[in-house]
Amino acid sequence: MFCRNCGKELSDKAIACIGCGMNPKGGNAHCPSCGAETKEKQIICTACGGSLKGSSSDVWSTGAYIGFIVLSVIIPLFGWIYGGIHMKNAADGSQRKKQAWHFVIAGIVGFVLAVIAKIS
């Protein structure tokens, strides 16, 4: 990965840039995939085609993630809407997008359980 602030190449697990000392995922001056300069409102890199929107690999904490899953099962509409919003805004292939799918699936499971409970 490349620092979004200064463009220095870093390990994917870096939490601070050794070039500028800032959060390497916090800026918007460089592409995280190739290091090319980018503009503030740019959503894809014109050099490599990589996604700039939602490019950080943020994930929900374990507690929040489990809470959202449980809430999605109890209130299926929540899982569908919340998961759908986050799927739309997350970068393709990101962990955040995979977790958003889990909320949608949990909502479907919740809906099926509610229907089964209503029938019984």
PDB file of N, CA and C in Angstrom:
ATOM      1  N   MET A   1       0.847  -1.176   0.000  1.00  0.00           N
ATOM      2  CA  MET A   1       0.000   0.000   0.000  1.00  0.00           C
ATOM      3  C   MET A   1       0.887   1.232   0.000  1.00  0.00           C
ATOM      4  N   PHE A   2       0.306   2.340  -0.404  1.00  0.00           N
ATOM      5  CA  PHE A   2       1.005   3.613  -0.422  1.00  0.00           C
ATOM      6  C   PHE A   2       0.287   4.584   0.503  1.00  0.00           C
ATOM      7  N   CYS A   3       1.050   5.455   1.158  1.00  0.00           N
ATOM      8  CA  CYS A   3       0.485   6.449   2.063  1.00  0.00           C
ATOM      9  C   CYS A   3      -0.403   7.403   1.269  1.00  0.00           C
ATOM     10  N   ARG A   4      -1.604   7.641   1.771  1.00  0.00           N
ATOM     11  CA  ARG A   4      -2.536   8.555   1.098  1.00  0.00           C
ATOM     12  C   ARG A   4      -2.099  10.006   1.260  1.00  0.00           C
ATOM     13  N   ASN A   5      -1.183  10.292   2.205  1.00  0.00           N
ATOM     14  CA  ASN A   5      -0.718  11.658   2.443  1.00  0.00           C
ATOM     15  C   ASN A   5       0.494  12.021   1.598  1.00  0.00           C
ATOM     16  N   CYS A   6       1.559  11.171   1.644  1.00  0.00           N
ATOM     17  CA  CYS A   6       2.808  11.523   0.962  1.00  0.00           C
ATOM     18  C   CYS A   6       3.163  10.595  -0.201  1.00  0.00           C
ATOM     19  N   GLY A   7       2.498   9.439  -0.325  1.00  0.00           N
ATOM     20  CA  GLY A   7       2.732   8.532  -1.438  1.00  0.00           C
ATOM     21  C   GLY A   7       3.842   7.517  -1.211  1.00  0.00           C
ATOM     22  N   LYS A   8       4.414   7.457  -0.005  1.00  0.00           N
ATOM     23  CA  LYS A   8       5.493   6.501   0.291  1.00  0.00           C
ATOM     24  C   LYS A   8       4.924   5.091   0.374  1.00  0.00           C
ATOM     25  N   GLU A   9       5.654   4.110  -0.202  1.00  0.00           N
ATOM     26  CA  GLU A   9       5.213   2.713  -0.154  1.00  0.00           C
ATOM     27  C   GLU A   9       5.406   2.171   1.263  1.00  0.00           C
ATOM     28  N   LEU A  10       4.377   1.474   1.767  1.00  0.00           N
ATOM     29  CA  LEU A  10       4.366   0.965   3.138  1.00  0.00           C
ATOM     30  C   LEU A  10       3.834  -0.465   3.177  1.00  0.00           C
ATOM     31  N   SER A  11       4.016  -1.104   4.311  1.00  0.00           N
ATOM     32  CA  SER A  11       3.403  -2.404   4.563  1.00  0.00           C
ATOM     33  C   SER A  11       1.891  -2.213   4.662  1.00  0.00           C
ATOM     34  N   ASP A  12       1.116  -3.211   4.257  1.00  0.00           N
ATOM     35  CA  ASP A  12      -0.345  -3.125   4.344  1.00  0.00           C
ATOM     36  C   ASP A  12      -0.831  -2.991   5.780  1.00  0.00           C
ATOM     37  N   LYS A  13      -0.008  -3.379   6.750  1.00  0.00           N
ATOM     38  CA  LYS A  13      -0.400  -3.331   8.156  1.00  0.00           C
ATOM     39  C   LYS A  13       0.068  -2.060   8.860  1.00  0.00           C
ATOM     40  N   ALA A  14       0.692  -1.141   8.146  1.00  0.00           N
ATOM     41  CA  ALA A  14       1.224   0.077   8.756  1.00  0.00           C
ATOM     42  C   ALA A  14       0.109   0.917   9.356  1.00  0.00           C
ATOM     43  N   ILE A  15       0.348   1.430  10.562  1.00  0.00           N
ATOM     44  CA  ILE A  15      -0.629   2.305  11.211  1.00  0.00           C
ATOM     45  C   ILE A  15      -0.167   3.757  11.200  1.00  0.00           C
ATOM     46  N   ALA A  16       1.094   3.977  10.841  1.00  0.00           N
ATOM     47  CA  ALA A  16       1.636   5.316  10.683  1.00  0.00           C
ATOM     48  C   ALA A  16       2.659   5.274   9.548  1.00  0.00           C
ATOM     49  N   CYS A  17       2.710   6.339   8.795  1.00  0.00           N
ATOM     50  CA  CYS A  17       3.652   6.415   7.677  1.00  0.00           C
ATOM     51  C   CYS A  17       5.037   6.784   8.199  1.00  0.00           C
ATOM     52  N   ILE A  18       6.068   6.071   7.749  1.00  0.00           N
ATOM     53  CA  ILE A  18       7.434   6.385   8.159  1.00  0.00           C
ATOM     54  C   ILE A  18       7.984   7.587   7.388  1.00  0.00           C
ATOM     55  N   GLY A  19       7.259   8.026   6.365  1.00  0.00           N
ATOM     56  CA  GLY A  19       7.692   9.184   5.586  1.00  0.00           C
ATOM     57  C   GLY A  19       7.165  10.495   6.139  1.00  0.00           C
ATOM     58  N   CYS A  20       5.878  10.508   6.504  1.00  0.00           N
ATOM     59  CA  CYS A  20       5.269  11.760   6.967  1.00  0.00           C
ATOM     60  C   CYS A  20       4.749  11.674   8.401  1.00  0.00           C
ATOM     61  N   GLY A  21       4.697  10.462   8.973  1.00  0.00           N
ATOM     62  CA  GLY A  21       4.264  10.302  10.356  1.00  0.00           C
ATOM     63  C   GLY A  21       2.760  10.336  10.563  1.00  0.00           C
ATOM     64  N   MET A  22       1.997  10.393   9.488  1.00  0.00           N
ATOM     65  CA  MET A  22       0.541  10.493   9.599  1.00  0.00           C
ATOM     66  C   MET A  22      -0.105   9.130   9.379  1.00  0.00           C
ATOM     67  N   ASN A  23      -1.413   9.041   9.642  1.00  0.00           N
ATOM     68  CA  ASN A  23      -2.184   7.837   9.346  1.00  0.00           C
ATOM     69  C   ASN A  23      -2.134   7.634   7.831  1.00  0.00           C
ATOM     70  N   PRO A  24      -1.575   6.529   7.348  1.00  0.00           N
ATOM     71  CA  PRO A  24      -1.413   6.356   5.902  1.00  0.00           C
ATOM     72  C   PRO A  24      -2.727   6.216   5.138  1.00  0.00           C
ATOM     73  N   LYS A  25      -3.816   5.958   5.843  1.00  0.00           N
ATOM     74  CA  LYS A  25      -5.117   5.806   5.188  1.00  0.00           C
ATOM     75  C   LYS A  25      -5.979   7.054   5.353  1.00  0.00           C
ATOM     76  N   GLY A  26      -5.473   8.049   6.062  1.00  0.00           N
ATOM     77  CA  GLY A  26      -6.275   9.219   6.392  1.00  0.00           C
ATOM     78  C   GLY A  26      -6.276  10.337   5.374  1.00  0.00           C
ATOM     79  N   GLY A  27      -5.346  10.365   4.470  1.00  0.00           N
ATOM     80  CA  GLY A  27      -5.263  11.456   3.510  1.00  0.00           C
ATOM     81  C   GLY A  27      -6.022  11.179   2.227  1.00  0.00           C
ATOM     82  N   ASN A  28      -5.820  12.037   1.235  1.00  0.00           N
ATOM     83  CA  ASN A  28      -6.450  11.838  -0.070  1.00  0.00           C
ATOM     84  C   ASN A  28      -5.582  12.382  -1.204  1.00  0.00           C
ATOM     85  N   ALA A  29      -4.278  12.582  -0.934  1.00  0.00           N
ATOM     86  CA  ALA A  29      -3.388  13.167  -1.937  1.00  0.00           C
ATOM     87  C   ALA A  29      -2.747  12.132  -2.862  1.00  0.00           C
ATOM     88  N   HIS A  30      -2.785  10.842  -2.450  1.00  0.00           N
ATOM     89  CA  HIS A  30      -2.141   9.797  -3.255  1.00  0.00           C
ATOM     90  C   HIS A  30      -2.999   8.530  -3.282  1.00  0.00           C
ATOM     91  N   CYS A  31      -2.874   7.766  -4.350  1.00  0.00           N
ATOM     92  CA  CYS A  31      -3.591   6.496  -4.496  1.00  0.00           C
ATOM     93  C   CYS A  31      -2.964   5.459  -3.561  1.00  0.00           C
ATOM     94  N   PRO A  32      -3.780   4.707  -2.796  1.00  0.00           N
ATOM     95  CA  PRO A  32      -3.224   3.689  -1.910  1.00  0.00           C
ATOM     96  C   PRO A  32      -2.703   2.468  -2.676  1.00  0.00           C
ATOM     97  N   SER A  33      -3.104   2.304  -3.937  1.00  0.00           N
ATOM     98  CA  SER A  33      -2.679   1.145  -4.732  1.00  0.00           C
ATOM     99  C   SER A  33      -1.369   1.367  -5.473  1.00  0.00           C
ATOM    100  N   CYS A  34      -1.203   2.579  -6.047  1.00  0.00           N
ATOM    101  CA  CYS A  34      -0.005   2.812  -6.859  1.00  0.00           C
ATOM    102  C   CYS A  34       0.828   4.011  -6.419  1.00  0.00           C
ATOM    103  N   GLY A  35       0.296   4.864  -5.548  1.00  0.00           N
ATOM    104  CA  GLY A  35       1.030   6.021  -5.051  1.00  0.00           C
ATOM    105  C   GLY A  35       0.926   7.265  -5.916  1.00  0.00           C
ATOM    106  N   ALA A  36       0.181   7.200  -7.020  1.00  0.00           N
ATOM    107  CA  ALA A  36       0.034   8.361  -7.906  1.00  0.00           C
ATOM    108  C   ALA A  36      -0.718   9.485  -7.189  1.00  0.00           C
ATOM    109  N   GLU A  37      -0.419  10.725  -7.569  1.00  0.00           N
ATOM    110  CA  GLU A  37      -1.121  11.865  -6.978  1.00  0.00           C
ATOM    111  C   GLU A  37      -2.589  11.839  -7.386  1.00  0.00           C
ATOM    112  N   THR A  38      -3.455  12.204  -6.448  1.00  0.00           N
ATOM    113  CA  THR A  38      -4.904  12.243  -6.706  1.00  0.00           C
ATOM    114  C   THR A  38      -5.463  13.573  -6.220  1.00  0.00           C
ATOM    115  N   LYS A  39      -6.675  13.864  -6.664  1.00  0.00           N
ATOM    116  CA  LYS A  39      -7.362  15.078  -6.231  1.00  0.00           C
ATOM    117  C   LYS A  39      -8.342  14.718  -5.114  1.00  0.00           C
ATOM    118  N   GLU A  40      -8.733  15.712  -4.335  1.00  0.00           N
ATOM    119  CA  GLU A  40      -9.541  15.494  -3.139  1.00  0.00           C
ATOM    120  C   GLU A  40     -10.838  14.730  -3.398  1.00  0.00           C
ATOM    121  N   LYS A  41     -11.578  15.069  -4.434  1.00  0.00           N
ATOM    122  CA  LYS A  41     -12.884  14.452  -4.671  1.00  0.00           C
ATOM    123  C   LYS A  41     -12.848  13.311  -5.693  1.00  0.00           C
ATOM    124  N   GLN A  42     -11.669  12.911  -6.091  1.00  0.00           N
ATOM    125  CA  GLN A  42     -11.501  11.828  -7.063  1.00  0.00           C
ATOM    126  C   GLN A  42     -11.955  10.506  -6.432  1.00  0.00           C
ATOM    127  N   ILE A  43     -12.678   9.652  -7.188  1.00  0.00           N
ATOM    128  CA  ILE A  43     -13.154   8.380  -6.626  1.00  0.00           C
ATOM    129  C   ILE A  43     -12.412   7.168  -7.187  1.00  0.00           C
ATOM    130  N   ILE A  44     -11.732   7.334  -8.325  1.00  0.00           N
ATOM    131  CA  ILE A  44     -10.864   6.265  -8.841  1.00  0.00           C
ATOM    132  C   ILE A  44      -9.538   6.881  -9.256  1.00  0.00           C
ATOM    133  N   CYS A  45      -8.493   6.079  -9.189  1.00  0.00           N
ATOM    134  CA  CYS A  45      -7.164   6.530  -9.603  1.00  0.00           C
ATOM    135  C   CYS A  45      -7.083   6.487 -11.127  1.00  0.00           C
ATOM    136  N   THR A  46      -6.681   7.590 -11.742  1.00  0.00           N
ATOM    137  CA  THR A  46      -6.568   7.623 -13.200  1.00  0.00           C
ATOM    138  C   THR A  46      -5.303   6.923 -13.685  1.00  0.00           C
ATOM    139  N   ALA A  47      -4.372   6.643 -12.770  1.00  0.00           N
ATOM    140  CA  ALA A  47      -3.146   5.941 -13.159  1.00  0.00           C
ATOM    141  C   ALA A  47      -3.332   4.424 -13.177  1.00  0.00           C
ATOM    142  N   CYS A  48      -4.016   3.889 -12.149  1.00  0.00           N
ATOM    143  CA  CYS A  48      -4.134   2.425 -12.065  1.00  0.00           C
ATOM    144  C   CYS A  48      -5.579   1.919 -12.072  1.00  0.00           C
ATOM    145  N   GLY A  49      -6.556   2.821 -11.935  1.00  0.00           N
ATOM    146  CA  GLY A  49      -7.962   2.415 -11.924  1.00  0.00           C
ATOM    147  C   GLY A  49      -8.446   1.930 -10.569  1.00  0.00           C
ATOM    148  N   GLY A  50      -7.600   2.018  -9.538  1.00  0.00           N
ATOM    149  CA  GLY A  50      -7.974   1.570  -8.197  1.00  0.00           C
ATOM    150  C   GLY A  50      -9.005   2.482  -7.556  1.00  0.00           C
ATOM    151  N   SER A  51      -9.816   1.926  -6.673  1.00  0.00           N
ATOM    152  CA  SER A  51     -10.842   2.688  -5.981  1.00  0.00           C
ATOM    153  C   SER A  51     -10.223   3.583  -4.921  1.00  0.00           C
ATOM    154  N   LEU A  52     -10.641   4.835  -4.881  1.00  0.00           N
ATOM    155  CA  LEU A  52     -10.189   5.769  -3.847  1.00  0.00           C
ATOM    156  C   LEU A  52     -11.273   5.980  -2.803  1.00  0.00           C
ATOM    157  N   LYS A  53     -12.521   5.756  -3.174  1.00  0.00           N
ATOM    158  CA  LYS A  53     -13.633   5.915  -2.243  1.00  0.00           C
ATOM    159  C   LYS A  53     -13.699   4.690  -1.347  1.00  0.00           C
ATOM    160  N   GLY A  54     -13.657   4.906  -0.037  1.00  0.00           N
ATOM    161  CA  GLY A  54     -13.723   3.788   0.895  1.00  0.00           C
ATOM    162  C   GLY A  54     -12.522   2.881   0.784  1.00  0.00           C
ATOM    163  N   SER A  55     -11.395   3.447   0.415  1.00  0.00           N
ATOM    164  CA  SER A  55     -10.234   2.609   0.180  1.00  0.00           C
ATOM    165  C   SER A  55      -9.568   2.111   1.453  1.00  0.00           C
ATOM    166  N   SER A  56      -9.906   2.702   2.602  1.00  0.00           N
ATOM    167  CA  SER A  56      -9.307   2.188   3.832  1.00  0.00           C
ATOM    168  C   SER A  56      -9.943   0.857   4.183  1.00  0.00           C
ATOM    169  N   SER A  57      -9.213   0.056   4.895  1.00  0.00           N
ATOM    170  CA  SER A  57      -9.695  -1.284   5.217  1.00  0.00           C
ATOM    171  C   SER A  57     -10.398  -1.316   6.565  1.00  0.00           C
ATOM    172  N   ASP A  58     -11.099  -0.237   6.879  1.00  0.00           N
ATOM    173  CA  ASP A  58     -11.810  -0.180   8.151  1.00  0.00           C
ATOM    174  C   ASP A  58     -12.790  -1.337   8.272  1.00  0.00           C
ATOM    175  N   VAL A  59     -12.856  -1.898   9.453  1.00  0.00           N
ATOM    176  CA  VAL A  59     -13.834  -2.937   9.759  1.00  0.00           C
ATOM    177  C   VAL A  59     -14.459  -2.585  11.088  1.00  0.00           C
ATOM    178  N   TRP A  60     -15.649  -3.100  11.312  1.00  0.00           N
ATOM    179  CA  TRP A  60     -16.291  -2.880  12.591  1.00  0.00           C
ATOM    180  C   TRP A  60     -15.546  -3.673  13.656  1.00  0.00           C
ATOM    181  N   SER A  61     -15.532  -3.173  14.883  1.00  0.00           N
ATOM    182  CA  SER A  61     -14.940  -3.936  15.975  1.00  0.00           C
ATOM    183  C   SER A  61     -15.774  -5.199  16.172  1.00  0.00           C
ATOM    184  N   THR A  62     -15.206  -6.202  16.823  1.00  0.00           N
ATOM    185  CA  THR A  62     -15.904  -7.474  17.015  1.00  0.00           C
ATOM    186  C   THR A  62     -17.229  -7.280  17.738  1.00  0.00           C
ATOM    187  N   GLY A  63     -17.221  -6.471  18.794  1.00  0.00           N
ATOM    188  CA  GLY A  63     -18.451  -6.232  19.550  1.00  0.00           C
ATOM    189  C   GLY A  63     -19.536  -5.570  18.714  1.00  0.00           C
ATOM    190  N   ALA A  64     -19.155  -4.539  17.974  1.00  0.00           N
ATOM    191  CA  ALA A  64     -20.126  -3.837  17.126  1.00  0.00           C
ATOM    192  C   ALA A  64     -20.636  -4.759  16.023  1.00  0.00           C
ATOM    193  N   TYR A  65     -19.731  -5.517  15.432  1.00  0.00           N
ATOM    194  CA  TYR A  65     -20.103  -6.438  14.361  1.00  0.00           C
ATOM    195  C   TYR A  65     -21.126  -7.466  14.858  1.00  0.00           C
ATOM    196  N   ILE A  66     -20.859  -8.091  15.994  1.00  0.00           N
ATOM    197  CA  ILE A  66     -21.800  -9.084  16.560  1.00  0.00           C
ATOM    198  C   ILE A  66     -23.119  -8.412  16.913  1.00  0.00           C
ATOM    199  N   GLY A  67     -23.049  -7.208  17.473  1.00  0.00           N
ATOM    200  CA  GLY A  67     -24.270  -6.470  17.799  1.00  0.00           C
ATOM    201  C   GLY A  67     -25.118  -6.189  16.567  1.00  0.00           C
ATOM    202  N   PHE A  68     -24.477  -5.773  15.474  1.00  0.00           N
ATOM    203  CA  PHE A  68     -25.210  -5.503  14.235  1.00  0.00           C
ATOM    204  C   PHE A  68     -25.810  -6.783  13.649  1.00  0.00           C
ATOM    205  N   ILE A  69     -25.085  -7.891  13.776  1.00  0.00           N
ATOM    206  CA  ILE A  69     -25.611  -9.171  13.284  1.00  0.00           C
ATOM    207  C   ILE A  69     -26.873  -9.548  14.084  1.00  0.00           C
ATOM    208  N   VAL A  70     -26.784  -9.472  15.408  1.00  0.00           N
ATOM    209  CA  VAL A  70     -27.925  -9.819  16.263  1.00  0.00           C
ATOM    210  C   VAL A  70     -29.101  -8.893  15.952  1.00  0.00           C
ATOM    211  N   LEU A  71     -28.843  -7.605  15.847  1.00  0.00           N
ATOM    212  CA  LEU A  71     -29.900  -6.647  15.530  1.00  0.00           C
ATOM    213  C   LEU A  71     -30.513  -6.943  14.164  1.00  0.00           C
ATOM    214  N   SER A  72     -29.692  -7.370  13.215  1.00  0.00           N
ATOM    215  CA  SER A  72     -30.190  -7.703  11.874  1.00  0.00           C
ATOM    216  C   SER A  72     -31.109  -8.918  11.903  1.00  0.00           C
ATOM    217  N   VAL A  73     -30.822  -9.869  12.801  1.00  0.00           N
ATOM    218  CA  VAL A  73     -31.693 -11.049  12.926  1.00  0.00           C
ATOM    219  C   VAL A  73     -33.003 -10.660  13.601  1.00  0.00           C
ATOM    220  N   ILE A  74     -32.930  -9.823  14.643  1.00  0.00           N
ATOM    221  CA  ILE A  74     -34.127  -9.413  15.387  1.00  0.00           C
ATOM    222  C   ILE A  74     -34.997  -8.477  14.551  1.00  0.00           C
ATOM    223  N   ILE A  75     -34.367  -7.553  13.848  1.00  0.00           N
ATOM    224  CA  ILE A  75     -35.084  -6.588  12.998  1.00  0.00           C
ATOM    225  C   ILE A  75     -34.528  -6.726  11.581  1.00  0.00           C
ATOM    226  N   PRO A  76     -35.092  -7.648  10.785  1.00  0.00           N
ATOM    227  CA  PRO A  76     -34.554  -7.911   9.438  1.00  0.00           C
ATOM    228  C   PRO A  76     -34.422  -6.667   8.553  1.00  0.00           C
ATOM    229  N   LEU A  77     -35.376  -5.750   8.647  1.00  0.00           N
ATOM    230  CA  LEU A  77     -35.321  -4.551   7.815  1.00  0.00           C
ATOM    231  C   LEU A  77     -34.056  -3.744   8.109  1.00  0.00           C
ATOM    232  N   PHE A  78     -33.627  -3.720   9.375  1.00  0.00           N
ATOM    233  CA  PHE A  78     -32.384  -3.040   9.733  1.00  0.00           C
ATOM    234  C   PHE A  78     -31.210  -3.643   8.964  1.00  0.00           C
ATOM    235  N   GLY A  79     -31.105  -4.972   8.968  1.00  0.00           N
ATOM    236  CA  GLY A  79     -30.009  -5.646   8.272  1.00  0.00           C
ATOM    237  C   GLY A  79     -30.003  -5.348   6.792  1.00  0.00           C
ATOM    238  N   TRP A  80     -31.172  -5.328   6.200  1.00  0.00           N
ATOM    239  CA  TRP A  80     -31.253  -5.068   4.755  1.00  0.00           C
ATOM    240  C   TRP A  80     -30.836  -3.640   4.428  1.00  0.00           C
ATOM    241  N   ILE A  81     -31.359  -2.691   5.165  1.00  0.00           N
ATOM    242  CA  ILE A  81     -31.057  -1.284   4.881  1.00  0.00           C
ATOM    243  C   ILE A  81     -29.621  -0.945   5.257  1.00  0.00           C
ATOM    244  N   TYR A  82     -29.230  -1.259   6.492  1.00  0.00           N
ATOM    245  CA  TYR A  82     -27.882  -0.931   6.968  1.00  0.00           C
ATOM    246  C   TYR A  82     -26.822  -1.638   6.131  1.00  0.00           C
ATOM    247  N   GLY A  83     -27.033  -2.921   5.877  1.00  0.00           N
ATOM    248  CA  GLY A  83     -26.088  -3.670   5.055  1.00  0.00           C
ATOM    249  C   GLY A  83     -26.017  -3.126   3.644  1.00  0.00           C
ATOM    250  N   GLY A  84     -27.166  -2.796   3.081  1.00  0.00           N
ATOM    251  CA  GLY A  84     -27.210  -2.255   1.721  1.00  0.00           C
ATOM    252  C   GLY A  84     -26.476  -0.935   1.585  1.00  0.00           C
ATOM    253  N   ILE A  85     -26.647  -0.063   2.565  1.00  0.00           N
ATOM    254  CA  ILE A  85     -25.959   1.234   2.535  1.00  0.00           C
ATOM    255  C   ILE A  85     -24.450   1.027   2.581  1.00  0.00           C
ATOM    256  N   HIS A  86     -24.001   0.148   3.482  1.00  0.00           N
ATOM    257  CA  HIS A  86     -22.561  -0.061   3.613  1.00  0.00           C
ATOM    258  C   HIS A  86     -21.971  -0.847   2.446  1.00  0.00           C
ATOM    259  N   MET A  87     -22.751  -1.704   1.806  1.00  0.00           N
ATOM    260  CA  MET A  87     -22.252  -2.391   0.609  1.00  0.00           C
ATOM    261  C   MET A  87     -22.015  -1.385  -0.509  1.00  0.00           C
ATOM    262  N   LYS A  88     -22.926  -0.427  -0.627  1.00  0.00           N
ATOM    263  CA  LYS A  88     -22.815   0.573  -1.681  1.00  0.00           C
ATOM    264  C   LYS A  88     -21.592   1.472  -1.464  1.00  0.00           C
ATOM    265  N   ASN A  89     -21.290   1.797  -0.203  1.00  0.00           N
ATOM    266  CA  ASN A  89     -20.216   2.744   0.090  1.00  0.00           C
ATOM    267  C   ASN A  89     -18.841   2.107   0.278  1.00  0.00           C
ATOM    268  N   ALA A  90     -18.773   0.788   0.481  1.00  0.00           N
ATOM    269  CA  ALA A  90     -17.484   0.131   0.724  1.00  0.00           C
ATOM    270  C   ALA A  90     -16.786  -0.189  -0.598  1.00  0.00           C
ATOM    271  N   ALA A  91     -15.470  -0.229  -0.532  1.00  0.00           N
ATOM    272  CA  ALA A  91     -14.676  -0.570  -1.715  1.00  0.00           C
ATOM    273  C   ALA A  91     -14.876  -2.035  -2.073  1.00  0.00           C
ATOM    274  N   ASP A  92     -14.875  -2.338  -3.366  1.00  0.00           N
ATOM    275  CA  ASP A  92     -15.029  -3.722  -3.818  1.00  0.00           C
ATOM    276  C   ASP A  92     -13.945  -4.601  -3.218  1.00  0.00           C
ATOM    277  N   GLY A  93     -14.355  -5.755  -2.719  1.00  0.00           N
ATOM    278  CA  GLY A  93     -13.419  -6.713  -2.156  1.00  0.00           C
ATOM    279  C   GLY A  93     -12.934  -6.392  -0.750  1.00  0.00           C
ATOM    280  N   SER A  94     -13.408  -5.272  -0.167  1.00  0.00           N
ATOM    281  CA  SER A  94     -12.951  -4.901   1.176  1.00  0.00           C
ATOM    282  C   SER A  94     -13.645  -5.751   2.236  1.00  0.00           C
ATOM    283  N   GLN A  95     -13.026  -5.825   3.398  1.00  0.00           N
ATOM    284  CA  GLN A  95     -13.612  -6.552   4.521  1.00  0.00           C
ATOM    285  C   GLN A  95     -14.927  -5.907   4.938  1.00  0.00           C
ATOM    286  N   ARG A  96     -15.012  -4.585   4.846  1.00  0.00           N
ATOM    287  CA  ARG A  96     -16.224  -3.848   5.215  1.00  0.00           C
ATOM    288  C   ARG A  96     -17.398  -4.296   4.331  1.00  0.00           C
ATOM    289  N   LYS A  97     -17.138  -4.506   3.049  1.00  0.00           N
ATOM    290  CA  LYS A  97     -18.198  -4.935   2.131  1.00  0.00           C
ATOM    291  C   LYS A  97     -18.661  -6.348   2.475  1.00  0.00           C
ATOM    292  N   LYS A  98     -17.715  -7.227   2.828  1.00  0.00           N
ATOM    293  CA  LYS A  98     -18.073  -8.592   3.220  1.00  0.00           C
ATOM    294  C   LYS A  98     -18.922  -8.581   4.484  1.00  0.00           C
ATOM    295  N   GLN A  99     -18.547  -7.733   5.445  1.00  0.00           N
ATOM    296  CA  GLN A  99     -19.330  -7.645   6.675  1.00  0.00           C
ATOM    297  C   GLN A  99     -20.735  -7.103   6.395  1.00  0.00           C
ATOM    298  N   ALA A 100     -20.847  -6.154   5.483  1.00  0.00           N
ATOM    299  CA  ALA A 100     -22.162  -5.608   5.133  1.00  0.00           C
ATOM    300  C   ALA A 100     -23.058  -6.707   4.559  1.00  0.00           C
ATOM    301  N   TRP A 101     -22.473  -7.598   3.760  1.00  0.00           N
ATOM    302  CA  TRP A 101     -23.241  -8.735   3.232  1.00  0.00           C
ATOM    303  C   TRP A 101     -23.755  -9.610   4.379  1.00  0.00           C
ATOM    304  N   HIS A 102     -22.957  -9.762   5.411  1.00  0.00           N
ATOM    305  CA  HIS A 102     -23.376 -10.566   6.560  1.00  0.00           C
ATOM    306  C   HIS A 102     -24.617  -9.975   7.215  1.00  0.00           C
ATOM    307  N   PHE A 103     -24.733  -8.637   7.264  1.00  0.00           N
ATOM    308  CA  PHE A 103     -25.918  -8.005   7.849  1.00  0.00           C
ATOM    309  C   PHE A 103     -27.159  -8.307   7.002  1.00  0.00           C
ATOM    310  N   VAL A 104     -27.009  -8.250   5.694  1.00  0.00           N
ATOM    311  CA  VAL A 104     -28.133  -8.550   4.799  1.00  0.00           C
ATOM    312  C   VAL A 104     -28.563 -10.011   4.972  1.00  0.00           C
ATOM    313  N   ILE A 105     -27.602 -10.908   5.008  1.00  0.00           N
ATOM    314  CA  ILE A 105     -27.914 -12.334   5.172  1.00  0.00           C
ATOM    315  C   ILE A 105     -28.560 -12.587   6.528  1.00  0.00           C
ATOM    316  N   ALA A 106     -28.050 -11.930   7.577  1.00  0.00           N
ATOM    317  CA  ALA A 106     -28.655 -12.080   8.907  1.00  0.00           C
ATOM    318  C   ALA A 106     -30.091 -11.569   8.899  1.00  0.00           C
ATOM    319  N   GLY A 107     -30.361 -10.513   8.139  1.00  0.00           N
ATOM    320  CA  GLY A 107     -31.725 -10.002   8.013  1.00  0.00           C
ATOM    321  C   GLY A 107     -32.639 -11.015   7.337  1.00  0.00           C
ATOM    322  N   ILE A 108     -32.132 -11.698   6.331  1.00  0.00           N
ATOM    323  CA  ILE A 108     -32.910 -12.740   5.646  1.00  0.00           C
ATOM    324  C   ILE A 108     -33.194 -13.887   6.607  1.00  0.00           C
ATOM    325  N   VAL A 109     -32.170 -14.301   7.364  1.00  0.00           N
ATOM    326  CA  VAL A 109     -32.355 -15.369   8.356  1.00  0.00           C
ATOM    327  C   VAL A 109     -33.395 -14.953   9.389  1.00  0.00           C
ATOM    328  N   GLY A 110     -33.312 -13.714   9.858  1.00  0.00           N
ATOM    329  CA  GLY A 110     -34.288 -13.206  10.823  1.00  0.00           C
ATOM    330  C   GLY A 110     -35.697 -13.233  10.269  1.00  0.00           C
ATOM    331  N   PHE A 111     -35.829 -12.848   9.001  1.00  0.00           N
ATOM    332  CA  PHE A 111     -37.149 -12.841   8.356  1.00  0.00           C
ATOM    333  C   PHE A 111     -37.697 -14.264   8.267  1.00  0.00           C
ATOM    334  N   VAL A 112     -36.876 -15.199   7.856  1.00  0.00           N
ATOM    335  CA  VAL A 112     -37.313 -16.604   7.741  1.00  0.00           C
ATOM    336  C   VAL A 112     -37.717 -17.148   9.121  1.00  0.00           C
ATOM    337  N   LEU A 113     -36.937 -16.840  10.142  1.00  0.00           N
ATOM    338  CA  LEU A 113     -37.285 -17.292  11.501  1.00  0.00           C
ATOM    339  C   LEU A 113     -38.606 -16.687  11.978  1.00  0.00           C
ATOM    340  N   ALA A 114     -38.844 -15.420  11.638  1.00  0.00           N
ATOM    341  CA  ALA A 114     -40.094 -14.766  12.017  1.00  0.00           C
ATOM    342  C   ALA A 114     -41.283 -15.431  11.327  1.00  0.00           C
ATOM    343  N   VAL A 115     -41.125 -15.765  10.064  1.00  0.00           N
ATOM    344  CA  VAL A 115     -42.196 -16.427   9.319  1.00  0.00           C
ATOM    345  C   VAL A 115     -42.464 -17.802   9.915  1.00  0.00           C
ATOM    346  N   ILE A 116     -41.413 -18.540  10.229  1.00  0.00           N
ATOM    347  CA  ILE A 116     -41.579 -19.879  10.827  1.00  0.00           C
ATOM    348  C   ILE A 116     -42.275 -19.766  12.180  1.00  0.00           C
ATOM    349  N   ALA A 117     -41.891 -18.777  12.974  1.00  0.00           N
ATOM    350  CA  ALA A 117     -42.511 -18.576  14.294  1.00  0.00           C
ATOM    351  C   ALA A 117     -43.980 -18.204  14.150  1.00  0.00           C
ATOM    352  N   LYS A 118     -44.314 -17.448  13.140  1.00  0.00           N
ATOM    353  CA  LYS A 118     -45.705 -17.011  12.897  1.00  0.00           C
ATOM    354  C   LYS A 118     -46.570 -18.198  12.469  1.00  0.00           C
ATOM    355  N   ILE A 119     -46.001 -19.096  11.655  1.00  0.00           N
ATOM    356  CA  ILE A 119     -46.717 -20.269  11.174  1.00  0.00           C
ATOM    357  C   ILE A 119     -46.974 -21.267  12.300  1.00  0.00           C
ATOM    358  N   SER A 120     -45.998 -21.410  13.188  1.00  0.00           N
ATOM    359  CA  SER A 120     -46.106 -22.411  14.258  1.00  0.00           C
ATOM    360  C   SER A 120     -47.172 -22.074  15.262  1.00  0.00           C
TER     361      SER A 120
END
